[in-house]
Amino acid sequence: MSVTVYSTPTCGYCNAAKRFLRDRHVRFREIDVSRDARAEAEIARKTGKHSVPVIDVNGRLFVGFDPRRLAAALGVRS
């Protein structure tokens, strides 16, 4: 399973999403879009939005942090 979290250090929902993943032992890659303009442009192009978090689960993009939807996509408890 491939999970990438596009986030910024000051985003509360981003931090909650990362904590959610860590608590469920889900390995993920983190990309700080405040430091990576290419990644920021990529998620804006793919989602049509300029907001974080964006969570990529095997190519399926989730904009924002919805624990139930994310848990269902990952096959973990919410």
N, C-alpha and C. Protein backbone atom coordinates (compact mmCIF):
# COMPACT_ATOMS: atom_id res chain seq x y z
N MET A 1 0.85 -1.17 0.00
CA MET A 1 0.00 0.00 0.00
C MET A 1 0.89 1.23 0.00
N SER A 2 0.51 2.20 -0.80
CA SER A 2 1.25 3.45 -0.91
C SER A 2 0.38 4.58 -0.37
N VAL A 3 0.90 5.29 0.65
CA VAL A 3 0.17 6.41 1.25
C VAL A 3 1.10 7.61 1.30
N THR A 4 0.63 8.73 0.76
CA THR A 4 1.38 9.99 0.82
C THR A 4 0.47 11.05 1.39
N VAL A 5 1.02 11.82 2.33
CA VAL A 5 0.28 12.92 2.93
C VAL A 5 0.94 14.22 2.50
N TYR A 6 0.19 15.06 1.79
CA TYR A 6 0.64 16.38 1.41
C TYR A 6 0.13 17.32 2.49
N SER A 7 1.04 18.05 3.12
CA SER A 7 0.66 18.83 4.29
C SER A 7 1.54 20.06 4.44
N THR A 8 1.26 20.83 5.49
CA THR A 8 2.12 21.92 5.95
C THR A 8 2.30 21.76 7.45
N PRO A 9 3.38 22.29 8.00
CA PRO A 9 3.64 22.11 9.43
C PRO A 9 2.58 22.74 10.34
N THR A 10 1.92 23.79 9.90
CA THR A 10 0.98 24.51 10.77
C THR A 10 -0.47 24.08 10.60
N CYS A 11 -0.73 23.10 9.77
CA CYS A 11 -2.10 22.64 9.48
C CYS A 11 -2.55 21.64 10.55
N GLY A 12 -3.55 22.01 11.32
CA GLY A 12 -4.06 21.14 12.37
C GLY A 12 -4.66 19.84 11.84
N TYR A 13 -5.40 19.92 10.73
CA TYR A 13 -5.98 18.72 10.15
C TYR A 13 -4.91 17.80 9.57
N CYS A 14 -3.84 18.40 9.06
CA CYS A 14 -2.72 17.60 8.56
C CYS A 14 -2.10 16.80 9.70
N ASN A 15 -1.87 17.48 10.82
CA ASN A 15 -1.27 16.82 11.98
C ASN A 15 -2.19 15.73 12.52
N ALA A 16 -3.49 15.98 12.51
CA ALA A 16 -4.44 14.97 12.97
C ALA A 16 -4.43 13.75 12.04
N ALA A 17 -4.35 13.99 10.74
CA ALA A 17 -4.30 12.88 9.78
C ALA A 17 -3.05 12.05 9.97
N LYS A 18 -1.92 12.70 10.16
CA LYS A 18 -0.66 11.96 10.36
C LYS A 18 -0.69 11.17 11.67
N ARG A 19 -1.26 11.75 12.71
CA ARG A 19 -1.40 11.05 13.99
C ARG A 19 -2.32 9.83 13.81
N PHE A 20 -3.42 10.00 13.09
CA PHE A 20 -4.35 8.92 12.79
C PHE A 20 -3.60 7.76 12.12
N LEU A 21 -2.81 8.06 11.12
CA LEU A 21 -2.06 7.02 10.41
C LEU A 21 -1.04 6.35 11.32
N ARG A 22 -0.29 7.15 12.07
CA ARG A 22 0.72 6.57 12.97
C ARG A 22 0.08 5.67 14.02
N ASP A 23 -1.05 6.12 14.59
CA ASP A 23 -1.74 5.33 15.62
C ASP A 23 -2.21 3.98 15.09
N ARG A 24 -2.41 3.89 13.79
CA ARG A 24 -2.86 2.64 13.17
C ARG A 24 -1.74 1.92 12.44
N HIS A 25 -0.51 2.38 12.69
CA HIS A 25 0.69 1.76 12.14
C HIS A 25 0.68 1.70 10.61
N VAL A 26 0.15 2.76 10.00
CA VAL A 26 0.14 2.87 8.55
C VAL A 26 1.36 3.68 8.14
N ARG A 27 2.22 3.08 7.35
CA ARG A 27 3.40 3.78 6.87
C ARG A 27 2.98 4.78 5.80
N PHE A 28 3.57 5.96 5.83
CA PHE A 28 3.24 6.97 4.84
C PHE A 28 4.44 7.86 4.58
N ARG A 29 4.39 8.46 3.43
CA ARG A 29 5.39 9.45 3.03
C ARG A 29 4.75 10.81 3.23
N GLU A 30 5.51 11.74 3.76
CA GLU A 30 4.99 13.09 3.99
C GLU A 30 5.68 14.07 3.06
N ILE A 31 4.89 14.92 2.42
CA ILE A 31 5.44 15.97 1.58
C ILE A 31 4.92 17.31 2.09
N ASP A 32 5.85 18.17 2.48
CA ASP A 32 5.53 19.50 2.99
C ASP A 32 5.40 20.44 1.79
N VAL A 33 4.17 20.79 1.43
CA VAL A 33 3.97 21.61 0.24
C VAL A 33 4.39 23.06 0.45
N SER A 34 4.63 23.46 1.69
CA SER A 34 5.13 24.81 1.93
C SER A 34 6.61 24.92 1.53
N ARG A 35 7.26 23.78 1.36
CA ARG A 35 8.66 23.74 0.95
C ARG A 35 8.87 23.13 -0.44
N ASP A 36 7.81 22.61 -1.03
CA ASP A 36 7.92 21.93 -2.31
C ASP A 36 6.85 22.48 -3.27
N ALA A 37 7.23 23.50 -4.02
CA ALA A 37 6.29 24.16 -4.92
C ALA A 37 5.78 23.23 -6.01
N ARG A 38 6.63 22.32 -6.47
CA ARG A 38 6.18 21.38 -7.50
C ARG A 38 5.07 20.47 -6.97
N ALA A 39 5.24 19.98 -5.74
CA ALA A 39 4.22 19.11 -5.14
C ALA A 39 2.93 19.90 -4.92
N GLU A 40 3.04 21.14 -4.49
CA GLU A 40 1.86 21.97 -4.30
C GLU A 40 1.11 22.16 -5.62
N ALA A 41 1.84 22.43 -6.69
CA ALA A 41 1.22 22.59 -8.01
C ALA A 41 0.59 21.28 -8.48
N GLU A 42 1.25 20.16 -8.18
CA GLU A 42 0.73 18.85 -8.59
C GLU A 42 -0.60 18.53 -7.92
N ILE A 43 -0.70 18.75 -6.61
CA ILE A 43 -1.97 18.44 -5.95
C ILE A 43 -3.07 19.42 -6.36
N ALA A 44 -2.69 20.66 -6.62
CA ALA A 44 -3.69 21.63 -7.09
C ALA A 44 -4.22 21.21 -8.46
N ARG A 45 -3.34 20.73 -9.32
CA ARG A 45 -3.75 20.28 -10.65
C ARG A 45 -4.64 19.05 -10.54
N LYS A 46 -4.29 18.11 -9.67
CA LYS A 46 -5.04 16.86 -9.55
C LYS A 46 -6.38 17.04 -8.85
N THR A 47 -6.45 17.96 -7.88
CA THR A 47 -7.67 18.10 -7.09
C THR A 47 -8.48 19.35 -7.43
N GLY A 48 -7.84 20.31 -8.07
CA GLY A 48 -8.51 21.57 -8.34
C GLY A 48 -8.59 22.46 -7.12
N LYS A 49 -7.87 22.10 -6.07
CA LYS A 49 -7.91 22.86 -4.81
C LYS A 49 -6.50 23.20 -4.35
N HIS A 50 -6.42 24.26 -3.56
CA HIS A 50 -5.15 24.68 -2.96
C HIS A 50 -5.26 24.54 -1.45
N SER A 51 -5.60 23.36 -0.99
CA SER A 51 -5.75 23.14 0.44
C SER A 51 -5.09 21.84 0.84
N VAL A 52 -4.78 21.73 2.12
CA VAL A 52 -4.19 20.53 2.68
C VAL A 52 -5.01 20.16 3.91
N PRO A 53 -4.97 18.92 4.34
CA PRO A 53 -4.18 17.85 3.76
C PRO A 53 -4.82 17.26 2.51
N VAL A 54 -3.95 16.72 1.68
CA VAL A 54 -4.37 15.85 0.60
C VAL A 54 -3.68 14.52 0.87
N ILE A 55 -4.46 13.46 0.93
CA ILE A 55 -3.92 12.14 1.25
C ILE A 55 -4.13 11.24 0.05
N ASP A 56 -3.04 10.70 -0.43
CA ASP A 56 -3.06 9.82 -1.60
C ASP A 56 -2.92 8.38 -1.10
N VAL A 57 -3.96 7.59 -1.30
CA VAL A 57 -3.95 6.17 -0.92
C VAL A 57 -4.03 5.37 -2.21
N ASN A 58 -2.89 4.83 -2.61
CA ASN A 58 -2.83 4.04 -3.86
C ASN A 58 -3.42 4.77 -5.06
N GLY A 59 -3.17 6.08 -5.15
CA GLY A 59 -3.64 6.86 -6.27
C GLY A 59 -5.02 7.47 -6.09
N ARG A 60 -5.70 7.12 -5.02
CA ARG A 60 -7.01 7.71 -4.71
C ARG A 60 -6.78 8.90 -3.79
N LEU A 61 -7.25 10.08 -4.19
CA LEU A 61 -6.97 11.30 -3.44
C LEU A 61 -8.12 11.68 -2.52
N PHE A 62 -7.76 12.03 -1.30
CA PHE A 62 -8.70 12.52 -0.30
C PHE A 62 -8.28 13.93 0.07
N VAL A 63 -9.16 14.90 -0.15
CA VAL A 63 -8.88 16.28 0.21
C VAL A 63 -9.52 16.53 1.57
N GLY A 64 -8.71 16.97 2.52
CA GLY A 64 -9.19 17.15 3.88
C GLY A 64 -9.01 15.85 4.66
N PHE A 65 -9.38 15.90 5.92
CA PHE A 65 -9.22 14.73 6.78
C PHE A 65 -10.58 14.25 7.25
N ASP A 66 -11.00 13.13 6.71
CA ASP A 66 -12.25 12.47 7.09
C ASP A 66 -11.86 11.08 7.60
N PRO A 67 -11.77 10.90 8.92
CA PRO A 67 -11.28 9.63 9.47
C PRO A 67 -12.04 8.40 8.97
N ARG A 68 -13.35 8.49 8.84
CA ARG A 68 -14.13 7.32 8.41
C ARG A 68 -13.82 6.93 6.98
N ARG A 69 -13.77 7.90 6.08
CA ARG A 69 -13.46 7.60 4.67
C ARG A 69 -12.04 7.07 4.54
N LEU A 70 -11.12 7.69 5.27
CA LEU A 70 -9.73 7.27 5.21
C LEU A 70 -9.57 5.85 5.76
N ALA A 71 -10.21 5.57 6.87
CA ALA A 71 -10.14 4.23 7.47
C ALA A 71 -10.69 3.18 6.51
N ALA A 72 -11.81 3.50 5.85
CA ALA A 72 -12.39 2.56 4.89
C ALA A 72 -11.45 2.30 3.73
N ALA A 73 -10.79 3.34 3.25
CA ALA A 73 -9.85 3.18 2.13
C ALA A 73 -8.63 2.36 2.53
N LEU A 74 -8.24 2.49 3.80
CA LEU A 74 -7.05 1.78 4.29
C LEU A 74 -7.37 0.40 4.85
N GLY A 75 -8.64 0.15 5.15
CA GLY A 75 -9.01 -1.13 5.76
C GLY A 75 -8.59 -1.21 7.21
N VAL A 76 -8.68 -0.07 7.92
CA VAL A 76 -8.33 -0.02 9.35
C VAL A 76 -9.53 0.50 10.12
N ARG A 77 -9.44 0.44 11.42
CA ARG A 77 -10.53 0.95 12.25
C ARG A 77 -10.50 2.48 12.24
N SER A 78 -11.67 3.07 12.35
CA SER A 78 -11.74 4.53 12.40
C SER A 78 -11.70 4.97 13.85
